């Protein structure tokens, strides 16, 4: 099981496109959840923050081992998601992985995440 929190910088001038991206995910949640099953993604949450006029998105996830990578998916929702990603995420800013200090998941729930 992988528990991750990663920070990504949004390209300058792409805040409105990020609004559109997040609305797209929320509006198509039924299809989003279908793709998460194949990825063995148990929890995926996107947080948004602006610091000193720079916007960041944070991905928090709990994922099982051996799931499909979103980058290789041919599902329409993942293809659209990746198109937004390439348009909005600043690839010149290295992603920042925040280390997990404590992971609190009850054992009965953790057992179902294998």
PDB file of N, CA and C in Angstrom:
ATOM      1  N   UNK A   1       0.841  -1.173   0.000  1.00  0.00           N
ATOM      2  CA  UNK A   1       0.000   0.000   0.000  1.00  0.00           C
ATOM      3  C   UNK A   1       0.890   1.241   0.000  1.00  0.00           C
ATOM      4  N   UNK A   2       0.567   2.196  -0.859  1.00  0.00           N
ATOM      5  CA  UNK A   2       1.299   3.458  -0.945  1.00  0.00           C
ATOM      6  C   UNK A   2       0.404   4.593  -0.457  1.00  0.00           C
ATOM      7  N   UNK A   3       0.915   5.362   0.496  1.00  0.00           N
ATOM      8  CA  UNK A   3       0.229   6.556   0.980  1.00  0.00           C
ATOM      9  C   UNK A   3       1.119   7.730   0.591  1.00  0.00           C
ATOM     10  N   UNK A   4       0.554   8.646  -0.200  1.00  0.00           N
ATOM     11  CA  UNK A   4       1.365   9.744  -0.727  1.00  0.00           C
ATOM     12  C   UNK A   4       0.652  11.085  -0.629  1.00  0.00           C
ATOM     13  N   UNK A   5       1.462  12.118  -0.450  1.00  0.00           N
ATOM     14  CA  UNK A   5       1.005  13.501  -0.571  1.00  0.00           C
ATOM     15  C   UNK A   5       2.079  14.225  -1.380  1.00  0.00           C
ATOM     16  N   UNK A   6       1.699  14.721  -2.551  1.00  0.00           N
ATOM     17  CA  UNK A   6       2.659  15.347  -3.455  1.00  0.00           C
ATOM     18  C   UNK A   6       2.150  16.712  -3.881  1.00  0.00           C
ATOM     19  N   UNK A   7       3.075  17.665  -3.904  1.00  0.00           N
ATOM     20  CA  UNK A   7       2.783  19.056  -4.270  1.00  0.00           C
ATOM     21  C   UNK A   7       3.270  19.319  -5.694  1.00  0.00           C
ATOM     22  N   UNK A   8       2.386  19.932  -6.507  1.00  0.00           N
ATOM     23  CA  UNK A   8       2.706  20.294  -7.884  1.00  0.00           C
ATOM     24  C   UNK A   8       2.393  21.779  -8.083  1.00  0.00           C
ATOM     25  N   UNK A   9       3.232  22.465  -8.834  1.00  0.00           N
ATOM     26  CA  UNK A   9       2.982  23.874  -9.114  1.00  0.00           C
ATOM     27  C   UNK A   9       2.151  23.999 -10.386  1.00  0.00           C
ATOM     28  N   UNK A  10       1.187  24.903 -10.346  1.00  0.00           N
ATOM     29  CA  UNK A  10       0.341  25.201 -11.496  1.00  0.00           C
ATOM     30  C   UNK A  10       1.054  26.255 -12.354  1.00  0.00           C
ATOM     31  N   UNK A  11       0.976  26.069 -13.661  1.00  0.00           N
ATOM     32  CA  UNK A  11       1.562  27.053 -14.577  1.00  0.00           C
ATOM     33  C   UNK A  11       0.890  28.412 -14.377  1.00  0.00           C
ATOM     34  N   UNK A  12       1.684  29.448 -14.512  1.00  0.00           N
ATOM     35  CA  UNK A  12       1.160  30.800 -14.384  1.00  0.00           C
ATOM     36  C   UNK A  12       0.062  31.039 -15.431  1.00  0.00           C
ATOM     37  N   UNK A  13      -1.025  31.650 -14.984  1.00  0.00           N
ATOM     38  CA  UNK A  13      -2.125  31.969 -15.892  1.00  0.00           C
ATOM     39  C   UNK A  13      -3.095  30.830 -16.144  1.00  0.00           C
ATOM     40  N   UNK A  14      -2.942  29.708 -15.442  1.00  0.00           N
ATOM     41  CA  UNK A  14      -3.799  28.537 -15.686  1.00  0.00           C
ATOM     42  C   UNK A  14      -4.836  28.300 -14.587  1.00  0.00           C
ATOM     43  N   UNK A  15      -5.042  29.267 -13.719  1.00  0.00           N
ATOM     44  CA  UNK A  15      -5.993  29.092 -12.620  1.00  0.00           C
ATOM     45  C   UNK A  15      -7.412  28.812 -13.118  1.00  0.00           C
ATOM     46  N   UNK A  16      -7.859  29.529 -14.137  1.00  0.00           N
ATOM     47  CA  UNK A  16      -9.202  29.294 -14.684  1.00  0.00           C
ATOM     48  C   UNK A  16      -9.302  27.899 -15.288  1.00  0.00           C
ATOM     49  N   UNK A  17      -8.238  27.423 -15.915  1.00  0.00           N
ATOM     50  CA  UNK A  17      -8.230  26.077 -16.493  1.00  0.00           C
ATOM     51  C   UNK A  17      -8.257  25.035 -15.370  1.00  0.00           C
ATOM     52  N   UNK A  18      -7.603  25.320 -14.248  1.00  0.00           N
ATOM     53  CA  UNK A  18      -7.669  24.421 -13.089  1.00  0.00           C
ATOM     54  C   UNK A  18      -9.101  24.372 -12.559  1.00  0.00           C
ATOM     55  N   UNK A  19      -9.775  25.529 -12.519  1.00  0.00           N
ATOM     56  CA  UNK A  19     -11.195  25.545 -12.125  1.00  0.00           C
ATOM     57  C   UNK A  19     -11.985  24.578 -13.005  1.00  0.00           C
ATOM     58  N   UNK A  20     -11.749  24.674 -14.312  1.00  0.00           N
ATOM     59  CA  UNK A  20     -12.445  23.815 -15.280  1.00  0.00           C
ATOM     60  C   UNK A  20     -12.104  22.340 -15.042  1.00  0.00           C
ATOM     61  N   UNK A  21     -10.837  22.048 -14.793  1.00  0.00           N
ATOM     62  CA  UNK A  21     -10.362  20.684 -14.555  1.00  0.00           C
ATOM     63  C   UNK A  21     -11.045  20.067 -13.333  1.00  0.00           C
ATOM     64  N   UNK A  22     -11.020  20.803 -12.228  1.00  0.00           N
ATOM     65  CA  UNK A  22     -11.603  20.265 -10.998  1.00  0.00           C
ATOM     66  C   UNK A  22     -13.120  20.121 -11.128  1.00  0.00           C
ATOM     67  N   UNK A  23     -13.767  21.047 -11.818  1.00  0.00           N
ATOM     68  CA  UNK A  23     -15.204  20.928 -12.074  1.00  0.00           C
ATOM     69  C   UNK A  23     -15.482  19.702 -12.942  1.00  0.00           C
ATOM     70  N   UNK A  24     -14.629  19.477 -13.947  1.00  0.00           N
ATOM     71  CA  UNK A  24     -14.763  18.301 -14.807  1.00  0.00           C
ATOM     72  C   UNK A  24     -14.707  17.013 -13.980  1.00  0.00           C
ATOM     73  N   UNK A  25     -13.739  16.918 -13.086  1.00  0.00           N
ATOM     74  CA  UNK A  25     -13.625  15.716 -12.252  1.00  0.00           C
ATOM     75  C   UNK A  25     -14.863  15.555 -11.363  1.00  0.00           C
ATOM     76  N   UNK A  26     -15.292  16.641 -10.725  1.00  0.00           N
ATOM     77  CA  UNK A  26     -16.482  16.571  -9.873  1.00  0.00           C
ATOM     78  C   UNK A  26     -17.734  16.233 -10.663  1.00  0.00           C
ATOM     79  N   UNK A  27     -17.876  16.800 -11.855  1.00  0.00           N
ATOM     80  CA  UNK A  27     -19.060  16.568 -12.671  1.00  0.00           C
ATOM     81  C   UNK A  27     -19.113  15.167 -13.268  1.00  0.00           C
ATOM     82  N   UNK A  28     -17.976  14.503 -13.348  1.00  0.00           N
ATOM     83  CA  UNK A  28     -17.890  13.162 -13.936  1.00  0.00           C
ATOM     84  C   UNK A  28     -17.430  12.119 -12.924  1.00  0.00           C
ATOM     85  N   UNK A  29     -17.799  12.329 -11.663  1.00  0.00           N
ATOM     86  CA  UNK A  29     -17.295  11.480 -10.580  1.00  0.00           C
ATOM     87  C   UNK A  29     -17.623  10.004 -10.776  1.00  0.00           C
ATOM     88  N   UNK A  30     -18.778   9.691 -11.323  1.00  0.00           N
ATOM     89  CA  UNK A  30     -19.125   8.281 -11.535  1.00  0.00           C
ATOM     90  C   UNK A  30     -18.064   7.588 -12.403  1.00  0.00           C
ATOM     91  N   UNK A  31     -17.658   8.228 -13.496  1.00  0.00           N
ATOM     92  CA  UNK A  31     -16.638   7.656 -14.374  1.00  0.00           C
ATOM     93  C   UNK A  31     -15.248   7.714 -13.733  1.00  0.00           C
ATOM     94  N   UNK A  32     -14.975   8.775 -12.983  1.00  0.00           N
ATOM     95  CA  UNK A  32     -13.698   8.872 -12.268  1.00  0.00           C
ATOM     96  C   UNK A  32     -13.542   7.685 -11.333  1.00  0.00           C
ATOM     97  N   UNK A  33     -14.579   7.368 -10.583  1.00  0.00           N
ATOM     98  CA  UNK A  33     -14.501   6.269  -9.621  1.00  0.00           C
ATOM     99  C   UNK A  33     -14.288   4.925 -10.300  1.00  0.00           C
ATOM    100  N   UNK A  34     -14.827   4.761 -11.501  1.00  0.00           N
ATOM    101  CA  UNK A  34     -14.598   3.520 -12.258  1.00  0.00           C
ATOM    102  C   UNK A  34     -13.112   3.370 -12.564  1.00  0.00           C
ATOM    103  N   UNK A  35     -12.457   4.444 -12.975  1.00  0.00           N
ATOM    104  CA  UNK A  35     -11.035   4.351 -13.320  1.00  0.00           C
ATOM    105  C   UNK A  35     -10.177   4.099 -12.085  1.00  0.00           C
ATOM    106  N   UNK A  36     -10.600   4.592 -10.935  1.00  0.00           N
ATOM    107  CA  UNK A  36      -9.825   4.384  -9.711  1.00  0.00           C
ATOM    108  C   UNK A  36      -9.737   2.910  -9.347  1.00  0.00           C
ATOM    109  N   UNK A  37     -10.774   2.147  -9.651  1.00  0.00           N
ATOM    110  CA  UNK A  37     -10.761   0.717  -9.346  1.00  0.00           C
ATOM    111  C   UNK A  37      -9.591   0.022 -10.034  1.00  0.00           C
ATOM    112  N   UNK A  38      -9.399   0.295 -11.325  1.00  0.00           N
ATOM    113  CA  UNK A  38      -8.312  -0.326 -12.067  1.00  0.00           C
ATOM    114  C   UNK A  38      -6.937   0.106 -11.588  1.00  0.00           C
ATOM    115  N   UNK A  39      -6.865   1.286 -11.017  1.00  0.00           N
ATOM    116  CA  UNK A  39      -5.601   1.801 -10.490  1.00  0.00           C
ATOM    117  C   UNK A  39      -5.327   1.293  -9.075  1.00  0.00           C
ATOM    118  N   UNK A  40      -6.304   0.582  -8.502  1.00  0.00           N
ATOM    119  CA  UNK A  40      -6.248   0.175  -7.088  1.00  0.00           C
ATOM    120  C   UNK A  40      -6.062   1.401  -6.194  1.00  0.00           C
ATOM    121  N   UNK A  41      -6.728   2.477  -6.594  1.00  0.00           N
ATOM    122  CA  UNK A  41      -6.673   3.734  -5.861  1.00  0.00           C
ATOM    123  C   UNK A  41      -7.851   3.749  -4.893  1.00  0.00           C
ATOM    124  N   UNK A  42      -7.550   3.659  -3.608  1.00  0.00           N
ATOM    125  CA  UNK A  42      -8.601   3.598  -2.597  1.00  0.00           C
ATOM    126  C   UNK A  42      -9.070   4.985  -2.188  1.00  0.00           C
ATOM    127  N   UNK A  43      -8.146   5.929  -2.158  1.00  0.00           N
ATOM    128  CA  UNK A  43      -8.472   7.313  -1.807  1.00  0.00           C
ATOM    129  C   UNK A  43      -7.620   8.209  -2.690  1.00  0.00           C
ATOM    130  N   UNK A  44      -8.236   9.187  -3.307  1.00  0.00           N
ATOM    131  CA  UNK A  44      -7.477  10.204  -4.037  1.00  0.00           C
ATOM    132  C   UNK A  44      -8.185  11.536  -3.811  1.00  0.00           C
ATOM    133  N   UNK A  45      -7.437  12.485  -3.305  1.00  0.00           N
ATOM    134  CA  UNK A  45      -7.986  13.796  -2.985  1.00  0.00           C
ATOM    135  C   UNK A  45      -7.045  14.854  -3.527  1.00  0.00           C
ATOM    136  N   UNK A  46      -7.609  15.887  -4.137  1.00  0.00           N
ATOM    137  CA  UNK A  46      -6.813  16.999  -4.657  1.00  0.00           C
ATOM    138  C   UNK A  46      -7.095  18.220  -3.785  1.00  0.00           C
ATOM    139  N   UNK A  47      -6.029  18.820  -3.286  1.00  0.00           N
ATOM    140  CA  UNK A  47      -6.115  20.054  -2.517  1.00  0.00           C
ATOM    141  C   UNK A  47      -5.519  21.177  -3.360  1.00  0.00           C
ATOM    142  N   UNK A  48      -5.975  22.383  -3.089  1.00  0.00           N
ATOM    143  CA  UNK A  48      -5.538  23.547  -3.868  1.00  0.00           C
ATOM    144  C   UNK A  48      -5.107  24.644  -2.905  1.00  0.00           C
ATOM    145  N   UNK A  49      -3.983  25.299  -3.260  1.00  0.00           N
ATOM    146  CA  UNK A  49      -3.456  26.355  -2.386  1.00  0.00           C
ATOM    147  C   UNK A  49      -2.770  27.419  -3.239  1.00  0.00           C
ATOM    148  N   UNK A  50      -2.831  28.658  -2.763  1.00  0.00           N
ATOM    149  CA  UNK A  50      -2.103  29.743  -3.399  1.00  0.00           C
ATOM    150  C   UNK A  50      -1.198  30.374  -2.342  1.00  0.00           C
ATOM    151  N   UNK A  51       0.103  30.419  -2.636  1.00  0.00           N
ATOM    152  CA  UNK A  51       1.086  31.014  -1.735  1.00  0.00           C
ATOM    153  C   UNK A  51       1.878  32.057  -2.509  1.00  0.00           C
ATOM    154  N   UNK A  52       1.914  33.283  -2.002  1.00  0.00           N
ATOM    155  CA  UNK A  52       2.681  34.348  -2.649  1.00  0.00           C
ATOM    156  C   UNK A  52       2.371  34.445  -4.147  1.00  0.00           C
ATOM    157  N   UNK A  53       1.085  34.381  -4.474  1.00  0.00           N
ATOM    158  CA  UNK A  53       0.594  34.507  -5.852  1.00  0.00           C
ATOM    159  C   UNK A  53       1.013  33.354  -6.766  1.00  0.00           C
ATOM    160  N   UNK A  54       1.401  32.226  -6.188  1.00  0.00           N
ATOM    161  CA  UNK A  54       1.719  31.022  -6.955  1.00  0.00           C
ATOM    162  C   UNK A  54       0.747  29.939  -6.510  1.00  0.00           C
ATOM    163  N   UNK A  55       0.134  29.279  -7.482  1.00  0.00           N
ATOM    164  CA  UNK A  55      -0.873  28.264  -7.167  1.00  0.00           C
ATOM    165  C   UNK A  55      -0.250  26.874  -7.195  1.00  0.00           C
ATOM    166  N   UNK A  56      -0.702  26.037  -6.249  1.00  0.00           N
ATOM    167  CA  UNK A  56      -0.230  24.663  -6.147  1.00  0.00           C
ATOM    168  C   UNK A  56      -1.424  23.722  -6.008  1.00  0.00           C
ATOM    169  N   UNK A  57      -1.263  22.514  -6.530  1.00  0.00           N
ATOM    170  CA  UNK A  57      -2.208  21.436  -6.293  1.00  0.00           C
ATOM    171  C   UNK A  57      -1.461  20.340  -5.542  1.00  0.00           C
ATOM    172  N   UNK A  58      -2.146  19.754  -4.583  1.00  0.00           N
ATOM    173  CA  UNK A  58      -1.592  18.662  -3.795  1.00  0.00           C
ATOM    174  C   UNK A  58      -2.440  17.426  -4.038  1.00  0.00           C
ATOM    175  N   UNK A  59      -1.801  16.307  -4.308  1.00  0.00           N
ATOM    176  CA  UNK A  59      -2.493  15.030  -4.468  1.00  0.00           C
ATOM    177  C   UNK A  59      -2.216  14.186  -3.240  1.00  0.00           C
ATOM    178  N   UNK A  60      -3.284  13.778  -2.565  1.00  0.00           N
ATOM    179  CA  UNK A  60      -3.181  12.828  -1.459  1.00  0.00           C
ATOM    180  C   UNK A  60      -3.806  11.531  -1.940  1.00  0.00           C
ATOM    181  N   UNK A  61      -3.099  10.437  -1.765  1.00  0.00           N
ATOM    182  CA  UNK A  61      -3.663   9.164  -2.235  1.00  0.00           C
ATOM    183  C   UNK A  61      -3.252   8.001  -1.353  1.00  0.00           C
ATOM    184  N   UNK A  62      -4.126   7.012  -1.353  1.00  0.00           N
ATOM    185  CA  UNK A  62      -3.844   5.699  -0.772  1.00  0.00           C
ATOM    186  C   UNK A  62      -4.115   4.714  -1.891  1.00  0.00           C
ATOM    187  N   UNK A  63      -3.064   3.986  -2.275  1.00  0.00           N
ATOM    188  CA  UNK A  63      -3.163   3.115  -3.439  1.00  0.00           C
ATOM    189  C   UNK A  63      -2.573   1.747  -3.122  1.00  0.00           C
ATOM    190  N   UNK A  64      -3.252   0.711  -3.596  1.00  0.00           N
ATOM    191  CA  UNK A  64      -2.747  -0.646  -3.462  1.00  0.00           C
ATOM    192  C   UNK A  64      -1.641  -0.913  -4.467  1.00  0.00           C
ATOM    193  N   UNK A  65      -1.005  -2.038  -4.325  1.00  0.00           N
ATOM    194  CA  UNK A  65       0.095  -2.426  -5.209  1.00  0.00           C
ATOM    195  C   UNK A  65      -0.434  -2.996  -6.521  1.00  0.00           C
ATOM    196  N   UNK A  66       0.278  -2.723  -7.611  1.00  0.00           N
ATOM    197  CA  UNK A  66      -0.016  -3.372  -8.887  1.00  0.00           C
ATOM    198  C   UNK A  66      -1.169  -2.806  -9.685  1.00  0.00           C
ATOM    199  N   UNK A  67      -1.623  -1.616  -9.375  1.00  0.00           N
ATOM    200  CA  UNK A  67      -2.709  -1.012 -10.139  1.00  0.00           C
ATOM    201  C   UNK A  67      -2.211  -0.418 -11.445  1.00  0.00           C
ATOM    202  N   UNK A  68      -3.137  -0.161 -12.354  1.00  0.00           N
ATOM    203  CA  UNK A  68      -2.804   0.449 -13.634  1.00  0.00           C
ATOM    204  C   UNK A  68      -2.373   1.897 -13.421  1.00  0.00           C
ATOM    205  N   UNK A  69      -1.384   2.326 -14.170  1.00  0.00           N
ATOM    206  CA  UNK A  69      -0.940   3.720 -14.116  1.00  0.00           C
ATOM    207  C   UNK A  69      -1.908   4.576 -14.932  1.00  0.00           C
ATOM    208  N   UNK A  70      -2.270   5.730 -14.401  1.00  0.00           N
ATOM    209  CA  UNK A  70      -3.202   6.618 -15.100  1.00  0.00           C
ATOM    210  C   UNK A  70      -2.636   7.037 -16.460  1.00  0.00           C
ATOM    211  N   UNK A  71      -1.325   7.152 -16.555  1.00  0.00           N
ATOM    212  CA  UNK A  71      -0.690   7.590 -17.804  1.00  0.00           C
ATOM    213  C   UNK A  71      -0.873   6.588 -18.942  1.00  0.00           C
ATOM    214  N   UNK A  72      -1.126   5.321 -18.618  1.00  0.00           N
ATOM    215  CA  UNK A  72      -1.281   4.303 -19.660  1.00  0.00           C
ATOM    216  C   UNK A  72      -2.744   3.945 -19.919  1.00  0.00           C
ATOM    217  N   UNK A  73      -3.646   4.557 -19.188  1.00  0.00           N
ATOM    218  CA  UNK A  73      -5.063   4.267 -19.347  1.00  0.00           C
ATOM    219  C   UNK A  73      -5.595   4.826 -20.669  1.00  0.00           C
ATOM    220  N   UNK A  74      -6.504   4.089 -21.283  1.00  0.00           N
ATOM    221  CA  UNK A  74      -7.166   4.562 -22.499  1.00  0.00           C
ATOM    222  C   UNK A  74      -8.617   4.973 -22.220  1.00  0.00           C
ATOM    223  N   UNK A  75      -9.010   4.986 -20.954  1.00  0.00           N
ATOM    224  CA  UNK A  75     -10.361   5.429 -20.591  1.00  0.00           C
ATOM    225  C   UNK A  75     -10.475   6.920 -20.887  1.00  0.00           C
ATOM    226  N   UNK A  76     -11.587   7.345 -21.457  1.00  0.00           N
ATOM    227  CA  UNK A  76     -11.755   8.736 -21.878  1.00  0.00           C
ATOM    228  C   UNK A  76     -11.552   9.721 -20.726  1.00  0.00           C
ATOM    229  N   UNK A  77     -11.973   9.351 -19.530  1.00  0.00           N
ATOM    230  CA  UNK A  77     -11.856  10.277 -18.400  1.00  0.00           C
ATOM    231  C   UNK A  77     -10.386  10.503 -18.046  1.00  0.00           C
ATOM    232  N   UNK A  78      -9.586   9.421 -18.115  1.00  0.00           N
ATOM    233  CA  UNK A  78      -8.156   9.552 -17.825  1.00  0.00           C
ATOM    234  C   UNK A  78      -7.435  10.327 -18.916  1.00  0.00           C
ATOM    235  N   UNK A  79      -7.838  10.129 -20.149  1.00  0.00           N
ATOM    236  CA  UNK A  79      -7.209  10.878 -21.245  1.00  0.00           C
ATOM    237  C   UNK A  79      -7.484  12.378 -21.101  1.00  0.00           C
ATOM    238  N   UNK A  80      -8.706  12.730 -20.742  1.00  0.00           N
ATOM    239  CA  UNK A  80      -9.059  14.141 -20.531  1.00  0.00           C
ATOM    240  C   UNK A  80      -8.328  14.691 -19.300  1.00  0.00           C
ATOM    241  N   UNK A  81      -8.271  13.891 -18.252  1.00  0.00           N
ATOM    242  CA  UNK A  81      -7.564  14.272 -17.026  1.00  0.00           C
ATOM    243  C   UNK A  81      -6.097  14.563 -17.329  1.00  0.00           C
ATOM    244  N   UNK A  82      -5.451  13.711 -18.103  1.00  0.00           N
ATOM    245  CA  UNK A  82      -4.039  13.902 -18.446  1.00  0.00           C
ATOM    246  C   UNK A  82      -3.841  15.114 -19.365  1.00  0.00           C
ATOM    247  N   UNK A  83      -4.816  15.392 -20.217  1.00  0.00           N
ATOM    248  CA  UNK A  83      -4.728  16.594 -21.061  1.00  0.00           C
ATOM    249  C   UNK A  83      -4.742  17.851 -20.177  1.00  0.00           C
ATOM    250  N   UNK A  84      -5.639  17.881 -19.186  1.00  0.00           N
ATOM    251  CA  UNK A  84      -5.657  19.002 -18.238  1.00  0.00           C
ATOM    252  C   UNK A  84      -4.314  19.075 -17.507  1.00  0.00           C
ATOM    253  N   UNK A  85      -3.819  17.918 -17.071  1.00  0.00           N
ATOM    254  CA  UNK A  85      -2.546  17.854 -16.350  1.00  0.00           C
ATOM    255  C   UNK A  85      -1.436  18.534 -17.166  1.00  0.00           C
ATOM    256  N   UNK A  86      -1.279  18.123 -18.410  1.00  0.00           N
ATOM    257  CA  UNK A  86      -0.210  18.663 -19.244  1.00  0.00           C
ATOM    258  C   UNK A  86      -0.382  20.160 -19.499  1.00  0.00           C
ATOM    259  N   UNK A  87      -1.626  20.610 -19.562  1.00  0.00           N
ATOM    260  CA  UNK A  87      -1.869  22.029 -19.789  1.00  0.00           C
ATOM    261  C   UNK A  87      -1.635  22.871 -18.537  1.00  0.00           C
ATOM    262  N   UNK A  88      -1.884  22.294 -17.361  1.00  0.00           N
ATOM    263  CA  UNK A  88      -1.899  23.085 -16.129  1.00  0.00           C
ATOM    264  C   UNK A  88      -0.702  22.908 -15.207  1.00  0.00           C
ATOM    265  N   UNK A  89      -0.082  21.749 -15.172  1.00  0.00           N
ATOM    266  CA  UNK A  89       0.987  21.478 -14.215  1.00  0.00           C
ATOM    267  C   UNK A  89       2.334  21.907 -14.791  1.00  0.00           C
ATOM    268  N   UNK A  90       3.077  22.657 -14.008  1.00  0.00           N
ATOM    269  CA  UNK A  90       4.380  23.183 -14.405  1.00  0.00           C
ATOM    270  C   UNK A  90       5.444  22.095 -14.263  1.00  0.00           C
ATOM    271  N   UNK A  91       5.875  21.540 -15.390  1.00  0.00           N
ATOM    272  CA  UNK A  91       6.855  20.449 -15.358  1.00  0.00           C
ATOM    273  C   UNK A  91       8.265  20.934 -15.036  1.00  0.00           C
ATOM    274  N   UNK A  92       8.490  22.260 -15.009  1.00  0.00           N
ATOM    275  CA  UNK A  92       9.816  22.771 -14.640  1.00  0.00           C
ATOM    276  C   UNK A  92      10.006  22.825 -13.128  1.00  0.00           C
ATOM    277  N   UNK A  93       8.919  22.662 -12.381  1.00  0.00           N
ATOM    278  CA  UNK A  93       8.966  22.646 -10.921  1.00  0.00           C
ATOM    279  C   UNK A  93       8.909  21.197 -10.471  1.00  0.00           C
ATOM    280  N   UNK A  94       9.971  20.696  -9.850  1.00  0.00           N
ATOM    281  CA  UNK A  94       9.954  19.287  -9.433  1.00  0.00           C
ATOM    282  C   UNK A  94       8.853  19.042  -8.399  1.00  0.00           C
ATOM    283  N   UNK A  95       8.072  17.968  -8.560  1.00  0.00           N
ATOM    284  CA  UNK A  95       7.057  17.642  -7.562  1.00  0.00           C
ATOM    285  C   UNK A  95       7.706  17.452  -6.195  1.00  0.00           C
ATOM    286  N   UNK A  96       6.997  17.831  -5.166  1.00  0.00           N
ATOM    287  CA  UNK A  96       7.505  17.695  -3.803  1.00  0.00           C
ATOM    288  C   UNK A  96       6.679  16.637  -3.090  1.00  0.00           C
ATOM    289  N   UNK A  97       7.326  15.529  -2.729  1.00  0.00           N
ATOM    290  CA  UNK A  97       6.669  14.474  -1.951  1.00  0.00           C
ATOM    291  C   UNK A  97       6.851  14.777  -0.474  1.00  0.00           C
ATOM    292  N   UNK A  98       5.730  14.891   0.224  1.00  0.00           N
ATOM    293  CA  UNK A  98       5.795  15.122   1.660  1.00  0.00           C
ATOM    294  C   UNK A  98       5.800  13.763   2.355  1.00  0.00           C
ATOM    295  N   UNK A  99       6.738  13.538   3.264  1.00  0.00           N
ATOM    296  CA  UNK A  99       6.835  12.212   3.900  1.00  0.00           C
ATOM    297  C   UNK A  99       5.704  11.994   4.899  1.00  0.00           C
ATOM    298  N   UNK A 100       5.198  10.778   4.908  1.00  0.00           N
ATOM    299  CA  UNK A 100       4.176  10.408   5.888  1.00  0.00           C
ATOM    300  C   UNK A 100       4.870  10.123   7.220  1.00  0.00           C
ATOM    301  N   UNK A 101       4.437  10.796   8.253  1.00  0.00           N
ATOM    302  CA  UNK A 101       5.016  10.588   9.584  1.00  0.00           C
ATOM    303  C   UNK A 101       4.249   9.524  10.366  1.00  0.00           C
ATOM    304  N   UNK A 102       2.944   9.485  10.178  1.00  0.00           N
ATOM    305  CA  UNK A 102       2.090   8.506  10.858  1.00  0.00           C
ATOM    306  C   UNK A 102       0.960   8.160   9.896  1.00  0.00           C
ATOM    307  N   UNK A 103       0.682   6.879   9.740  1.00  0.00           N
ATOM    308  CA  UNK A 103      -0.442   6.431   8.912  1.00  0.00           C
ATOM    309  C   UNK A 103      -1.431   5.722   9.834  1.00  0.00           C
ATOM    310  N   UNK A 104      -2.629   6.270   9.919  1.00  0.00           N
ATOM    311  CA  UNK A 104      -3.643   5.736  10.831  1.00  0.00           C
ATOM    312  C   UNK A 104      -4.804   5.166  10.031  1.00  0.00           C
ATOM    313  N   UNK A 105      -4.769   3.871   9.828  1.00  0.00           N
ATOM    314  CA  UNK A 105      -5.834   3.165   9.129  1.00  0.00           C
ATOM    315  C   UNK A 105      -6.178   1.946   9.962  1.00  0.00           C
ATOM    316  N   UNK A 106      -7.428   1.818  10.396  1.00  0.00           N
ATOM    317  CA  UNK A 106      -7.794   0.633  11.167  1.00  0.00           C
ATOM    318  C   UNK A 106      -7.476  -0.647  10.390  1.00  0.00           C
ATOM    319  N   UNK A 107      -7.063  -1.670  11.100  1.00  0.00           N
ATOM    320  CA  UNK A 107      -6.595  -2.907  10.456  1.00  0.00           C
ATOM    321  C   UNK A 107      -7.662  -3.557   9.582  1.00  0.00           C
ATOM    322  N   UNK A 108      -8.942  -3.509   9.969  1.00  0.00           N
ATOM    323  CA  UNK A 108      -9.975  -4.126   9.149  1.00  0.00           C
ATOM    324  C   UNK A 108     -10.130  -3.406   7.804  1.00  0.00           C
ATOM    325  N   UNK A 109      -9.958  -2.098   7.799  1.00  0.00           N
ATOM    326  CA  UNK A 109     -10.010  -1.346   6.547  1.00  0.00           C
ATOM    327  C   UNK A 109      -8.743  -1.594   5.744  1.00  0.00           C
ATOM    328  N   UNK A 110      -7.608  -1.616   6.413  1.00  0.00           N
ATOM    329  CA  UNK A 110      -6.329  -1.865   5.744  1.00  0.00           C
ATOM    330  C   UNK A 110      -6.309  -3.229   5.062  1.00  0.00           C
ATOM    331  N   UNK A 111      -6.913  -4.224   5.670  1.00  0.00           N
ATOM    332  CA  UNK A 111      -6.980  -5.559   5.091  1.00  0.00           C
ATOM    333  C   UNK A 111      -7.735  -5.548   3.769  1.00  0.00           C
ATOM    334  N   UNK A 112      -8.739  -4.722   3.653  1.00  0.00           N
ATOM    335  CA  UNK A 112      -9.519  -4.623   2.417  1.00  0.00           C
ATOM    336  C   UNK A 112      -8.807  -3.845   1.330  1.00  0.00           C
ATOM    337  N   UNK A 113      -7.667  -3.261   1.632  1.00  0.00           N
ATOM    338  CA  UNK A 113      -6.910  -2.438   0.679  1.00  0.00           C
ATOM    339  C   UNK A 113      -5.769  -3.201   0.028  1.00  0.00           C
ATOM    340  N   UNK A 114      -5.790  -4.480   0.067  1.00  0.00           N
ATOM    341  CA  UNK A 114      -4.685  -5.247  -0.515  1.00  0.00           C
ATOM    342  C   UNK A 114      -4.962  -5.644  -1.924  1.00  0.00           C
TER     343      UNK A 114
END
